[in-house]
Amino acid sequence: GPTGDAGWTFRHDQARQYLEKKLPYVKTSFVESVSEGADVTRVITNYAMKDHKIIFATAAGYLDFTREVAKKFPKTAFLNIAAWASDEPNVGQYYGRLHEGRYLTGIVAGRMTKSNVIGFVAAHPIPGVIFAINGFALGVRSVNPHAKVKVVWTNTWYNPNLEKQAALSLVDIGADVIAQHQDTPSPLVGAAERGKYGIGSESDMSKFAPNAYLTGTIWDWGEFYVKTVEAVKSGTWVAKRHFGGLDDGMVSIAPYGPMVPEEVRKKVEEAKQNIISGKLRIFKGPLKDNTGKVRISDGVEPPFDEVYNTMDWVVENIDVLLPKK
C-alpha cells in the first residue's frame, strides 16, 4: 500500500526514517504501492542493479520474487516479510508474533462489549491473518466466554471505503466493538460514526476516532532494521528467520482510550507479563475450532511458523465462513 495508509506500510516507512536517524551513514530509498505480482521482480532488480546493499521486501507475497532476484545478486542481502524457510543464503525472513498483541486487545474487547457481539474486519482469509484473529478471539474468550467474534472478509489490504462498509455491516448485526486486520483506520472510523468502540491495527490510530478508540496492535520494525543493517555492514549478518513479539517490542499495543477502566488495563498488563515469561501460551492445546473439532491436542503447542503458515480454521467463539478448499 501507500506510505500514507496509517497502518502497515506507514509503520515500515517510519522504521525506515528511524534507521536513517539512528545510523547517519545509511541512505535509503523506497517504492510504495507495489502489488504482489510480477512487478515486484522489476522493482527489486532495479534496486539490486543500483548497488543497494540491503533490500527489505515488506509483504509476504513478495517472497518468491525476492528469492528469484536474490539468486542473481548473491552479494546483496535480502529480507522479506514471511515465515517460510528459503534455501538462498542471502534471503532472510522476518515477521512478528502478532497474535500476542491481538490476544491483549481481545481482552479489552471482551471486557468492553455490552452486546457480546464483537465485529472483526479482516483482509484476506490466509493463515497469517487467521492466526492473528484466533489470537484475538482467545483473548476475548479468556475474560468473556459469552462473547462471539463475527468476522467479515474484505479480500483487500487497502480499500478504505470497503473496509468502512464492512465495519458498518457488523454494527448492523449487533457488534458494539469493531476490531480489524486492515491497513487503514477505516473500520475504526465506521465504528465511531455509529457510536461504537473500535480497536486499531498496525499503528496508533487514536487520532482518527479519539472518542471510540480503545487500543490497538502496533508494529515497530525500527530496532530490527538498525540491528540488521549494522550486522550486514560488519559482515556478521546471517540469513535466518526472526519472529519478534511483546518481549522485544516488535509487537505492542497502543495507549488506551480514556473509557477503558483501570481494572481492564491491569488485566491486560498481567496477561502481557505472562506471555513474555512463557506462563501464558496462547496456542497451547486443547483448542477446538468453531465446529467443535479438537485442532490442537491437550498440552501440545505447535511452533510459531507452523501456526502462521498453515492455520486454516478458527477457534470456537468465532463466526465466519471460510472459503472451501
C-alpha atoms as a PDB file:
ATOM      1  CA  GLY A   1       0.000   0.000   0.000  1.00  0.00           C
ATOM      2  CA  PRO A   2       0.938   3.677   0.153  1.00  0.00           C
ATOM      3  CA  THR A   3       3.135   5.006   2.942  1.00  0.00           C
ATOM      4  CA  GLY A   4       0.214   7.188   3.968  1.00  0.00           C
ATOM      5  CA  ASP A   5      -2.106   4.270   4.746  1.00  0.00           C
ATOM      6  CA  ALA A   6      -1.706   4.977   8.509  1.00  0.00           C
ATOM      7  CA  GLY A   7      -1.077   1.290   9.037  1.00  0.00           C
ATOM      8  CA  TRP A   8       1.221  -1.430   7.725  1.00  0.00           C
ATOM      9  CA  THR A   9       3.213   0.468   5.093  1.00  0.00           C
ATOM     10  CA  PHE A  10       3.190   3.636   7.191  1.00  0.00           C
ATOM     11  CA  ARG A  11       4.907   1.790  10.045  1.00  0.00           C
ATOM     12  CA  HIS A  12       7.581   0.362   7.760  1.00  0.00           C
ATOM     13  CA  ASP A  13       8.242   3.831   6.392  1.00  0.00           C
ATOM     14  CA  GLN A  14       8.521   5.220   9.922  1.00  0.00           C
ATOM     15  CA  ALA A  15      11.067   2.491  10.659  1.00  0.00           C
ATOM     16  CA  ARG A  16      12.980   3.430   7.516  1.00  0.00           C
ATOM     17  CA  GLN A  17      13.172   7.033   8.710  1.00  0.00           C
ATOM     18  CA  TYR A  18      14.197   5.866  12.177  1.00  0.00           C
ATOM     19  CA  LEU A  19      17.003   3.848  10.586  1.00  0.00           C
ATOM     20  CA  GLU A  20      18.392   6.910   8.837  1.00  0.00           C
ATOM     21  CA  LYS A  21      18.293   8.950  12.036  1.00  0.00           C
ATOM     22  CA  LYS A  22      19.870   6.215  14.157  1.00  0.00           C
ATOM     23  CA  LEU A  23      22.582   5.403  11.609  1.00  0.00           C
ATOM     24  CA  PRO A  24      23.503   8.660   9.829  1.00  0.00           C
ATOM     25  CA  TYR A  25      25.784   6.841   7.385  1.00  0.00           C
ATOM     26  CA  VAL A  26      22.763   4.967   5.956  1.00  0.00           C
ATOM     27  CA  LYS A  27      20.892   6.259   2.926  1.00  0.00           C
ATOM     28  CA  THR A  28      17.581   4.706   1.981  1.00  0.00           C
ATOM     29  CA  SER A  29      15.032   4.834  -0.821  1.00  0.00           C
ATOM     30  CA  PHE A  30      11.636   3.214  -1.220  1.00  0.00           C
ATOM     31  CA  VAL A  31       8.891   2.308  -3.651  1.00  0.00           C
ATOM     32  CA  GLU A  32       5.296   2.210  -2.433  1.00  0.00           C
ATOM     33  CA  SER A  33       2.094   0.597  -3.724  1.00  0.00           C
ATOM     34  CA  VAL A  34       3.708  -2.382  -5.460  1.00  0.00           C
ATOM     35  CA  SER A  35       1.155  -5.160  -5.987  1.00  0.00           C
ATOM     36  CA  GLU A  36       2.044  -8.742  -5.080  1.00  0.00           C
ATOM     37  CA  GLY A  37       2.821  -9.790  -8.637  1.00  0.00           C
ATOM     38  CA  ALA A  38       5.477  -9.810 -11.320  1.00  0.00           C
ATOM     39  CA  ASP A  39       6.177  -6.088 -10.923  1.00  0.00           C
ATOM     40  CA  VAL A  40       7.962  -6.955  -7.675  1.00  0.00           C
ATOM     41  CA  THR A  41      10.756  -8.568  -9.693  1.00  0.00           C
ATOM     42  CA  ARG A  42      11.295  -5.376 -11.687  1.00  0.00           C
ATOM     43  CA  VAL A  43      11.367  -3.152  -8.594  1.00  0.00           C
ATOM     44  CA  ILE A  44      13.741  -5.372  -6.608  1.00  0.00           C
ATOM     45  CA  THR A  45      16.016  -5.992  -9.601  1.00  0.00           C
ATOM     46  CA  ASN A  46      16.265  -2.252 -10.184  1.00  0.00           C
ATOM     47  CA  TYR A  47      17.419  -1.735  -6.598  1.00  0.00           C
ATOM     48  CA  ALA A  48      19.952  -4.544  -6.786  1.00  0.00           C
ATOM     49  CA  MET A  49      21.376  -3.246 -10.065  1.00  0.00           C
ATOM     50  CA  LYS A  50      21.826   0.180  -8.480  1.00  0.00           C
ATOM     51  CA  ASP A  51      24.057  -1.455  -5.861  1.00  0.00           C
ATOM     52  CA  HIS A  52      21.762  -1.266  -2.848  1.00  0.00           C
ATOM     53  CA  LYS A  53      23.408  -3.401  -0.167  1.00  0.00           C
ATOM     54  CA  ILE A  54      20.203  -4.411   1.644  1.00  0.00           C
ATOM     55  CA  ILE A  55      16.705  -4.749   0.247  1.00  0.00           C
ATOM     56  CA  PHE A  56      13.672  -5.110   2.537  1.00  0.00           C
ATOM     57  CA  ALA A  57      10.554  -6.518   0.866  1.00  0.00           C
ATOM     58  CA  THR A  58       7.653  -5.705   3.158  1.00  0.00           C
ATOM     59  CA  ALA A  59       4.921  -8.123   2.056  1.00  0.00           C
ATOM     60  CA  ALA A  60       4.680 -11.909   2.302  1.00  0.00           C
ATOM     61  CA  GLY A  61       3.504 -12.060  -1.305  1.00  0.00           C
ATOM     62  CA  TYR A  62       6.865 -10.694  -2.442  1.00  0.00           C
ATOM     63  CA  LEU A  63       8.872 -13.703  -1.244  1.00  0.00           C
ATOM     64  CA  ASP A  64       9.007 -15.828  -4.414  1.00  0.00           C
ATOM     65  CA  PHE A  65      10.034 -12.788  -6.462  1.00  0.00           C
ATOM     66  CA  THR A  66      12.639 -11.804  -3.876  1.00  0.00           C
ATOM     67  CA  ARG A  67      14.160 -15.282  -3.964  1.00  0.00           C
ATOM     68  CA  GLU A  68      14.267 -15.184  -7.758  1.00  0.00           C
ATOM     69  CA  VAL A  69      16.205 -11.910  -7.800  1.00  0.00           C
ATOM     70  CA  ALA A  70      18.449 -12.909  -4.877  1.00  0.00           C
ATOM     71  CA  LYS A  71      19.931 -15.786  -6.869  1.00  0.00           C
ATOM     72  CA  LYS A  72      21.247 -13.278  -9.407  1.00  0.00           C
ATOM     73  CA  PHE A  73      22.742 -10.943  -6.772  1.00  0.00           C
ATOM     74  CA  PRO A  74      24.447 -13.202  -4.202  1.00  0.00           C
ATOM     75  CA  LYS A  75      26.357 -10.330  -2.559  1.00  0.00           C
ATOM     76  CA  THR A  76      23.178  -8.381  -1.723  1.00  0.00           C
ATOM     77  CA  ALA A  77      21.262  -9.021   1.498  1.00  0.00           C
ATOM     78  CA  PHE A  78      17.516  -9.503   1.041  1.00  0.00           C
ATOM     79  CA  LEU A  79      14.932  -9.604   3.831  1.00  0.00           C
ATOM     80  CA  ASN A  80      11.298 -10.438   3.222  1.00  0.00           C
ATOM     81  CA  ILE A  81       8.225 -10.372   5.430  1.00  0.00           C
ATOM     82  CA  ALA A  82       7.455 -14.088   5.678  1.00  0.00           C
ATOM     83  CA  ALA A  83       7.766 -17.132   7.891  1.00  0.00           C
ATOM     84  CA  TRP A  84       8.699 -19.712   5.282  1.00  0.00           C
ATOM     85  CA  ALA A  85      12.179 -21.158   5.101  1.00  0.00           C
ATOM     86  CA  SER A  86      14.188 -20.455   1.953  1.00  0.00           C
ATOM     87  CA  ASP A  87      17.331 -22.039   0.558  1.00  0.00           C
ATOM     88  CA  GLU A  88      19.029 -18.849  -0.574  1.00  0.00           C
ATOM     89  CA  PRO A  89      21.914 -17.903   1.745  1.00  0.00           C
ATOM     90  CA  ASN A  90      21.246 -14.186   1.174  1.00  0.00           C
ATOM     91  CA  VAL A  91      17.486 -14.160   1.892  1.00  0.00           C
ATOM     92  CA  GLY A  92      16.263 -13.748   5.462  1.00  0.00           C
ATOM     93  CA  GLN A  93      12.658 -13.606   6.637  1.00  0.00           C
ATOM     94  CA  TYR A  94      11.129 -11.540   9.399  1.00  0.00           C
ATOM     95  CA  TYR A  95       7.715 -11.129  10.962  1.00  0.00           C
ATOM     96  CA  GLY A  96       6.232 -10.880  14.439  1.00  0.00           C
ATOM     97  CA  ARG A  97       4.128 -12.839  16.865  1.00  0.00           C
ATOM     98  CA  LEU A  98       1.147 -10.628  16.174  1.00  0.00           C
ATOM     99  CA  HIS A  99      -1.206 -12.987  17.985  1.00  0.00           C
ATOM    100  CA  GLU A 100       0.383 -11.858  21.269  1.00  0.00           C
ATOM    101  CA  GLY A 101      -0.761  -8.274  20.750  1.00  0.00           C
ATOM    102  CA  ARG A 102      -4.080  -9.404  19.346  1.00  0.00           C
ATOM    103  CA  TYR A 103      -4.701 -11.509  22.467  1.00  0.00           C
ATOM    104  CA  LEU A 104      -4.253  -8.435  24.656  1.00  0.00           C
ATOM    105  CA  THR A 105      -6.614  -6.326  22.563  1.00  0.00           C
ATOM    106  CA  GLY A 106      -9.071  -9.218  22.704  1.00  0.00           C
ATOM    107  CA  ILE A 107      -9.099  -8.915  26.480  1.00  0.00           C
ATOM    108  CA  VAL A 108     -10.049  -5.258  26.123  1.00  0.00           C
ATOM    109  CA  ALA A 109     -12.806  -6.055  23.618  1.00  0.00           C
ATOM    110  CA  GLY A 110     -14.163  -8.873  25.751  1.00  0.00           C
ATOM    111  CA  ARG A 111     -14.425  -6.619  28.782  1.00  0.00           C
ATOM    112  CA  MET A 112     -15.821  -3.586  26.945  1.00  0.00           C
ATOM    113  CA  THR A 113     -18.591  -5.225  24.898  1.00  0.00           C
ATOM    114  CA  LYS A 114     -22.131  -4.986  26.225  1.00  0.00           C
ATOM    115  CA  SER A 115     -23.874  -6.865  23.417  1.00  0.00           C
ATOM    116  CA  ASN A 116     -21.388  -9.770  23.475  1.00  0.00           C
ATOM    117  CA  VAL A 117     -21.042  -9.326  19.714  1.00  0.00           C
ATOM    118  CA  ILE A 118     -17.604  -8.191  18.576  1.00  0.00           C
ATOM    119  CA  GLY A 119     -17.008  -7.452  14.902  1.00  0.00           C
ATOM    120  CA  PHE A 120     -13.733  -8.102  13.104  1.00  0.00           C
ATOM    121  CA  VAL A 121     -12.929  -6.627   9.686  1.00  0.00           C
ATOM    122  CA  ALA A 122     -10.299  -8.874   8.111  1.00  0.00           C
ATOM    123  CA  ALA A 123      -8.264  -8.570   4.918  1.00  0.00           C
ATOM    124  CA  HIS A 124      -7.646 -11.973   3.316  1.00  0.00           C
ATOM    125  CA  PRO A 125      -8.565 -15.474   4.610  1.00  0.00           C
ATOM    126  CA  ILE A 126      -4.958 -16.654   4.666  1.00  0.00           C
ATOM    127  CA  PRO A 127      -3.193 -18.424   7.556  1.00  0.00           C
ATOM    128  CA  GLY A 128      -1.194 -15.353   8.598  1.00  0.00           C
ATOM    129  CA  VAL A 129      -4.393 -13.377   9.116  1.00  0.00           C
ATOM    130  CA  ILE A 130      -6.416 -16.246  10.568  1.00  0.00           C
ATOM    131  CA  PHE A 131      -3.863 -16.980  13.273  1.00  0.00           C
ATOM    132  CA  ALA A 132      -3.949 -13.344  14.414  1.00  0.00           C
ATOM    133  CA  ILE A 133      -7.758 -13.317  14.527  1.00  0.00           C
ATOM    134  CA  ASN A 134      -7.689 -16.532  16.540  1.00  0.00           C
ATOM    135  CA  GLY A 135      -5.279 -14.915  18.986  1.00  0.00           C
ATOM    136  CA  PHE A 136      -7.714 -12.020  19.371  1.00  0.00           C
ATOM    137  CA  ALA A 137     -10.690 -14.332  19.891  1.00  0.00           C
ATOM    138  CA  LEU A 138      -8.817 -16.357  22.512  1.00  0.00           C
ATOM    139  CA  GLY A 139      -8.113 -13.110  24.367  1.00  0.00           C
ATOM    140  CA  VAL A 140     -11.834 -12.302  24.242  1.00  0.00           C
ATOM    141  CA  ARG A 141     -12.739 -15.770  25.482  1.00  0.00           C
ATOM    142  CA  SER A 142     -10.284 -15.590  28.389  1.00  0.00           C
ATOM    143  CA  VAL A 143     -12.374 -12.841  30.015  1.00  0.00           C
ATOM    144  CA  ASN A 144     -15.791 -13.265  28.415  1.00  0.00           C
ATOM    145  CA  PRO A 145     -16.844 -16.786  27.360  1.00  0.00           C
ATOM    146  CA  HIS A 146     -20.245 -15.484  26.273  1.00  0.00           C
ATOM    147  CA  ALA A 147     -18.963 -13.136  23.567  1.00  0.00           C
ATOM    148  CA  LYS A 148     -18.835 -14.031  19.877  1.00  0.00           C
ATOM    149  CA  VAL A 149     -16.381 -12.622  17.338  1.00  0.00           C
ATOM    150  CA  LYS A 150     -18.009 -12.166  13.925  1.00  0.00           C
ATOM    151  CA  VAL A 151     -15.597 -11.816  11.007  1.00  0.00           C
ATOM    152  CA  VAL A 152     -16.150 -10.157   7.625  1.00  0.00           C
ATOM    153  CA  TRP A 153     -13.544 -10.572   4.868  1.00  0.00           C
ATOM    154  CA  THR A 154     -12.775  -7.656   2.550  1.00  0.00           C
ATOM    155  CA  ASN A 155     -10.246  -9.561   0.397  1.00  0.00           C
ATOM    156  CA  THR A 156      -8.081  -6.465   0.173  1.00  0.00           C
ATOM    157  CA  TRP A 157      -5.248  -4.912   2.166  1.00  0.00           C
ATOM    158  CA  TYR A 158      -6.078  -1.360   1.190  1.00  0.00           C
ATOM    159  CA  ASN A 159      -9.583  -0.239   0.330  1.00  0.00           C
ATOM    160  CA  PRO A 160     -10.767   2.392   2.827  1.00  0.00           C
ATOM    161  CA  ASN A 161     -14.368   2.561   1.638  1.00  0.00           C
ATOM    162  CA  LEU A 162     -14.855  -1.217   1.560  1.00  0.00           C
ATOM    163  CA  GLU A 163     -13.271  -1.590   4.999  1.00  0.00           C
ATOM    164  CA  LYS A 164     -15.582   1.026   6.459  1.00  0.00           C
ATOM    165  CA  GLN A 165     -18.664  -0.573   4.903  1.00  0.00           C
ATOM    166  CA  ALA A 166     -17.618  -3.934   6.343  1.00  0.00           C
ATOM    167  CA  ALA A 167     -17.468  -2.371   9.805  1.00  0.00           C
ATOM    168  CA  LEU A 168     -20.914  -0.846   9.380  1.00  0.00           C
ATOM    169  CA  SER A 169     -22.334  -4.211   8.319  1.00  0.00           C
ATOM    170  CA  LEU A 170     -21.054  -5.693  11.571  1.00  0.00           C
ATOM    171  CA  VAL A 171     -22.611  -2.892  13.606  1.00  0.00           C
ATOM    172  CA  ASP A 172     -25.886  -3.654  11.808  1.00  0.00           C
ATOM    173  CA  ILE A 173     -25.866  -7.203  13.227  1.00  0.00           C
ATOM    174  CA  GLY A 174     -25.228  -6.076  16.785  1.00  0.00           C
ATOM    175  CA  ALA A 175     -21.492  -5.551  17.161  1.00  0.00           C
ATOM    176  CA  ASP A 176     -20.619  -2.822  19.657  1.00  0.00           C
ATOM    177  CA  VAL A 177     -16.825  -3.240  19.342  1.00  0.00           C
ATOM    178  CA  ILE A 178     -15.099  -3.386  15.938  1.00  0.00           C
ATOM    179  CA  ALA A 179     -11.584  -4.801  15.609  1.00  0.00           C
ATOM    180  CA  GLN A 180      -9.583  -5.128  12.414  1.00  0.00           C
ATOM    181  CA  HIS A 181      -6.724  -6.639  10.441  1.00  0.00           C
ATOM    182  CA  GLN A 182      -6.540  -3.924   7.774  1.00  0.00           C
ATOM    183  CA  ASP A 183      -4.032  -1.278   6.774  1.00  0.00           C
ATOM    184  CA  THR A 184      -6.231   1.793   7.276  1.00  0.00           C
ATOM    185  CA  PRO A 185      -8.269   3.215  10.175  1.00  0.00           C
ATOM    186  CA  SER A 186     -11.482   2.992   8.128  1.00  0.00           C
ATOM    187  CA  PRO A 187     -13.155   0.235  10.217  1.00  0.00           C
ATOM    188  CA  LEU A 188     -12.437   2.274  13.345  1.00  0.00           C
ATOM    189  CA  VAL A 189     -13.925   5.372  11.728  1.00  0.00           C
ATOM    190  CA  GLY A 190     -17.031   3.426  10.761  1.00  0.00           C
ATOM    191  CA  ALA A 191     -17.470   2.197  14.332  1.00  0.00           C
ATOM    192  CA  ALA A 192     -17.089   5.732  15.674  1.00  0.00           C
ATOM    193  CA  GLU A 193     -19.722   7.099  13.310  1.00  0.00           C
ATOM    194  CA  ARG A 194     -22.215   4.647  14.775  1.00  0.00           C
ATOM    195  CA  GLY A 195     -21.250   5.391  18.373  1.00  0.00           C
ATOM    196  CA  LYS A 196     -19.422   2.082  18.854  1.00  0.00           C
ATOM    197  CA  TYR A 197     -15.932   1.270  20.080  1.00  0.00           C
ATOM    198  CA  GLY A 198     -13.028   0.414  17.804  1.00  0.00           C
ATOM    199  CA  ILE A 199      -9.693  -1.387  18.094  1.00  0.00           C
ATOM    200  CA  GLY A 200      -6.970  -0.393  15.652  1.00  0.00           C
ATOM    201  CA  SER A 201      -4.242  -2.293  13.875  1.00  0.00           C
ATOM    202  CA  GLU A 202      -0.644  -1.692  12.785  1.00  0.00           C
ATOM    203  CA  SER A 203      -0.217   1.780  14.355  1.00  0.00           C
ATOM    204  CA  ASP A 204      -1.706   4.077  16.996  1.00  0.00           C
ATOM    205  CA  MET A 205      -4.901   5.150  15.234  1.00  0.00           C
ATOM    206  CA  SER A 206      -6.417   7.055  18.149  1.00  0.00           C
ATOM    207  CA  LYS A 207      -6.380  10.424  16.354  1.00  0.00           C
ATOM    208  CA  PHE A 208      -8.858   9.143  13.745  1.00  0.00           C
ATOM    209  CA  ALA A 209     -11.579   8.394  16.323  1.00  0.00           C
ATOM    210  CA  PRO A 210     -10.499   9.583  19.788  1.00  0.00           C
ATOM    211  CA  ASN A 211     -13.910   9.022  21.358  1.00  0.00           C
ATOM    212  CA  ALA A 212     -14.163   5.449  20.095  1.00  0.00           C
ATOM    213  CA  TYR A 213     -10.591   4.156  20.226  1.00  0.00           C
ATOM    214  CA  LEU A 214      -9.989   1.535  22.910  1.00  0.00           C
ATOM    215  CA  THR A 215      -6.453   0.471  21.899  1.00  0.00           C
ATOM    216  CA  GLY A 216      -4.841  -1.482  19.060  1.00  0.00           C
ATOM    217  CA  THR A 217      -1.856  -3.526  17.993  1.00  0.00           C
ATOM    218  CA  ILE A 218       1.302  -1.731  16.866  1.00  0.00           C
ATOM    219  CA  TRP A 219       4.246  -2.858  14.755  1.00  0.00           C
ATOM    220  CA  ASP A 220       7.702  -1.426  15.453  1.00  0.00           C
ATOM    221  CA  TRP A 221      10.335  -2.508  12.948  1.00  0.00           C
ATOM    222  CA  GLY A 222      12.898   0.216  13.734  1.00  0.00           C
ATOM    223  CA  GLU A 223      15.343  -1.582  16.005  1.00  0.00           C
ATOM    224  CA  PHE A 224      15.244  -4.718  13.865  1.00  0.00           C
ATOM    225  CA  TYR A 225      16.164  -2.637  10.820  1.00  0.00           C
ATOM    226  CA  VAL A 226      19.010  -0.975  12.705  1.00  0.00           C
ATOM    227  CA  LYS A 227      20.465  -4.255  14.001  1.00  0.00           C
ATOM    228  CA  THR A 228      20.166  -5.866  10.579  1.00  0.00           C
ATOM    229  CA  VAL A 229      21.949  -3.036   8.791  1.00  0.00           C
ATOM    230  CA  GLU A 230      24.705  -2.975  11.404  1.00  0.00           C
ATOM    231  CA  ALA A 231      25.194  -6.722  11.006  1.00  0.00           C
ATOM    232  CA  VAL A 232      25.380  -6.510   7.219  1.00  0.00           C
ATOM    233  CA  LYS A 233      27.861  -3.641   7.415  1.00  0.00           C
ATOM    234  CA  SER A 234      30.089  -5.533   9.859  1.00  0.00           C
ATOM    235  CA  GLY A 235      29.934  -8.728   7.840  1.00  0.00           C
ATOM    236  CA  THR A 236      28.263 -10.725  10.624  1.00  0.00           C
ATOM    237  CA  TRP A 237      24.765 -10.967   9.114  1.00  0.00           C
ATOM    238  CA  VAL A 238      23.419 -14.459   8.523  1.00  0.00           C
ATOM    239  CA  ALA A 239      20.178 -15.098   6.663  1.00  0.00           C
ATOM    240  CA  LYS A 240      17.640 -16.526   9.088  1.00  0.00           C
ATOM    241  CA  ARG A 241      14.064 -16.114  10.277  1.00  0.00           C
ATOM    242  CA  HIS A 242      13.277 -13.594  13.004  1.00  0.00           C
ATOM    243  CA  PHE A 243       9.931 -13.534  14.795  1.00  0.00           C
ATOM    244  CA  GLY A 244       9.680 -10.599  17.194  1.00  0.00           C
ATOM    245  CA  GLY A 245       6.967 -10.120  19.774  1.00  0.00           C
ATOM    246  CA  LEU A 246       5.994  -8.432  23.006  1.00  0.00           C
ATOM    247  CA  ASP A 247       9.360  -9.354  24.509  1.00  0.00           C
ATOM    248  CA  ASP A 248      11.478  -7.291  22.086  1.00  0.00           C
ATOM    249  CA  GLY A 249       8.874  -4.637  21.258  1.00  0.00           C
ATOM    250  CA  MET A 250       8.346  -5.576  17.623  1.00  0.00           C
ATOM    251  CA  VAL A 251       4.714  -6.102  18.656  1.00  0.00           C
ATOM    252  CA  SER A 252       2.977  -3.918  21.236  1.00  0.00           C
ATOM    253  CA  ILE A 253      -0.364  -2.286  21.919  1.00  0.00           C
ATOM    254  CA  ALA A 254      -1.321   1.372  21.695  1.00  0.00           C
ATOM    255  CA  PRO A 255      -2.205   3.623  24.635  1.00  0.00           C
ATOM    256  CA  TYR A 256      -5.721   3.074  25.948  1.00  0.00           C
ATOM    257  CA  GLY A 257      -8.641   5.345  25.321  1.00  0.00           C
ATOM    258  CA  PRO A 258      -9.920   7.129  28.442  1.00  0.00           C
ATOM    259  CA  MET A 259     -13.021   4.907  28.533  1.00  0.00           C
ATOM    260  CA  VAL A 260     -11.004   1.750  29.323  1.00  0.00           C
ATOM    261  CA  PRO A 261     -11.244   1.099  33.095  1.00  0.00           C
ATOM    262  CA  GLU A 262      -8.179   0.600  35.254  1.00  0.00           C
ATOM    263  CA  GLU A 263      -9.159  -2.968  36.114  1.00  0.00           C
ATOM    264  CA  VAL A 264      -9.160  -3.858  32.403  1.00  0.00           C
ATOM    265  CA  ARG A 265      -5.736  -2.279  31.955  1.00  0.00           C
ATOM    266  CA  LYS A 266      -4.406  -4.302  34.885  1.00  0.00           C
ATOM    267  CA  LYS A 267      -5.823  -7.490  33.387  1.00  0.00           C
ATOM    268  CA  VAL A 268      -4.052  -6.756  30.106  1.00  0.00           C
ATOM    269  CA  GLU A 269      -0.758  -5.991  31.831  1.00  0.00           C
ATOM    270  CA  GLU A 270      -0.960  -9.246  33.773  1.00  0.00           C
ATOM    271  CA  ALA A 271      -1.552 -11.216  30.574  1.00  0.00           C
ATOM    272  CA  LYS A 272       1.267  -9.361  28.821  1.00  0.00           C
ATOM    273  CA  GLN A 273       3.769 -10.304  31.504  1.00  0.00           C
ATOM    274  CA  ASN A 274       2.561 -13.902  31.479  1.00  0.00           C
ATOM    275  CA  ILE A 275       3.040 -14.087  27.706  1.00  0.00           C
ATOM    276  CA  ILE A 276       6.550 -12.635  27.925  1.00  0.00           C
ATOM    277  CA  SER A 277       7.534 -15.006  30.741  1.00  0.00           C
ATOM    278  CA  GLY A 278       6.078 -18.022  28.948  1.00  0.00           C
ATOM    279  CA  LYS A 279       3.483 -18.711  31.619  1.00  0.00           C
ATOM    280  CA  LEU A 280       0.694 -17.996  29.123  1.00  0.00           C
ATOM    281  CA  ARG A 281       0.960 -19.950  25.862  1.00  0.00           C
ATOM    282  CA  ILE A 282      -1.783 -18.708  23.561  1.00  0.00           C
ATOM    283  CA  PHE A 283      -1.953 -21.645  21.162  1.00  0.00           C
ATOM    284  CA  LYS A 284      -1.269 -24.410  23.628  1.00  0.00           C
ATOM    285  CA  GLY A 285      -3.978 -27.081  23.490  1.00  0.00           C
ATOM    286  CA  PRO A 286      -6.566 -28.181  23.953  1.00  0.00           C
ATOM    287  CA  LEU A 287      -8.120 -25.924  21.330  1.00  0.00           C
ATOM    288  CA  LYS A 288     -11.280 -26.597  19.340  1.00  0.00           C
ATOM    289  CA  ASP A 289     -12.470 -24.998  16.142  1.00  0.00           C
ATOM    290  CA  ASN A 290     -15.920 -23.487  15.707  1.00  0.00           C
ATOM    291  CA  THR A 291     -17.383 -26.859  14.717  1.00  0.00           C
ATOM    292  CA  GLY A 292     -16.275 -28.433  17.992  1.00  0.00           C
ATOM    293  CA  LYS A 293     -13.407 -30.406  16.467  1.00  0.00           C
ATOM    294  CA  VAL A 294     -10.210 -30.610  18.511  1.00  0.00           C
ATOM    295  CA  ARG A 295      -7.497 -28.960  16.422  1.00  0.00           C
ATOM    296  CA  ILE A 296      -4.666 -28.777  18.950  1.00  0.00           C
ATOM    297  CA  SER A 297      -4.487 -31.588  21.487  1.00  0.00           C
ATOM    298  CA  ASP A 298      -4.150 -31.087  25.209  1.00  0.00           C
ATOM    299  CA  GLY A 299      -0.645 -29.958  26.142  1.00  0.00           C
ATOM    300  CA  VAL A 300       0.518 -29.560  22.535  1.00  0.00           C
ATOM    301  CA  GLU A 301       1.862 -26.227  21.281  1.00  0.00           C
ATOM    302  CA  PRO A 302       2.719 -26.018  17.568  1.00  0.00           C
ATOM    303  CA  PRO A 303       5.782 -23.913  16.634  1.00  0.00           C
ATOM    304  CA  PHE A 304       5.066 -20.369  15.518  1.00  0.00           C
ATOM    305  CA  ASP A 305       5.950 -20.856  11.862  1.00  0.00           C
ATOM    306  CA  GLU A 306       3.634 -23.869  11.632  1.00  0.00           C
ATOM    307  CA  VAL A 307       0.744 -21.882  13.083  1.00  0.00           C
ATOM    308  CA  TYR A 308       1.476 -18.871  10.893  1.00  0.00           C
ATOM    309  CA  ASN A 309       1.805 -20.867   7.687  1.00  0.00           C
ATOM    310  CA  THR A 310      -0.923 -23.490   7.980  1.00  0.00           C
ATOM    311  CA  MET A 311      -3.785 -22.300  10.196  1.00  0.00           C
ATOM    312  CA  ASP A 312      -6.970 -22.607   8.150  1.00  0.00           C
ATOM    313  CA  TRP A 313      -9.517 -22.932  10.964  1.00  0.00           C
ATOM    314  CA  VAL A 314     -10.998 -20.595  13.542  1.00  0.00           C
ATOM    315  CA  VAL A 315     -11.479 -21.093  17.267  1.00  0.00           C
ATOM    316  CA  GLU A 316     -14.836 -21.879  18.779  1.00  0.00           C
ATOM    317  CA  ASN A 317     -16.013 -18.363  19.659  1.00  0.00           C
ATOM    318  CA  ILE A 318     -15.679 -17.081  16.065  1.00  0.00           C
ATOM    319  CA  ASP A 319     -18.462 -16.929  13.485  1.00  0.00           C
ATOM    320  CA  VAL A 320     -17.028 -16.781   9.973  1.00  0.00           C
ATOM    321  CA  LEU A 321     -17.400 -18.550   6.679  1.00  0.00           C
ATOM    322  CA  LEU A 322     -14.004 -19.712   5.446  1.00  0.00           C
ATOM    323  CA  PRO A 323     -13.507 -20.478   1.748  1.00  0.00           C
ATOM    324  CA  LYS A 324     -13.802 -24.116   0.725  1.00  0.00           C
ATOM    325  CA  LYS A 325     -10.539 -25.831  -0.133  1.00  0.00           C
END
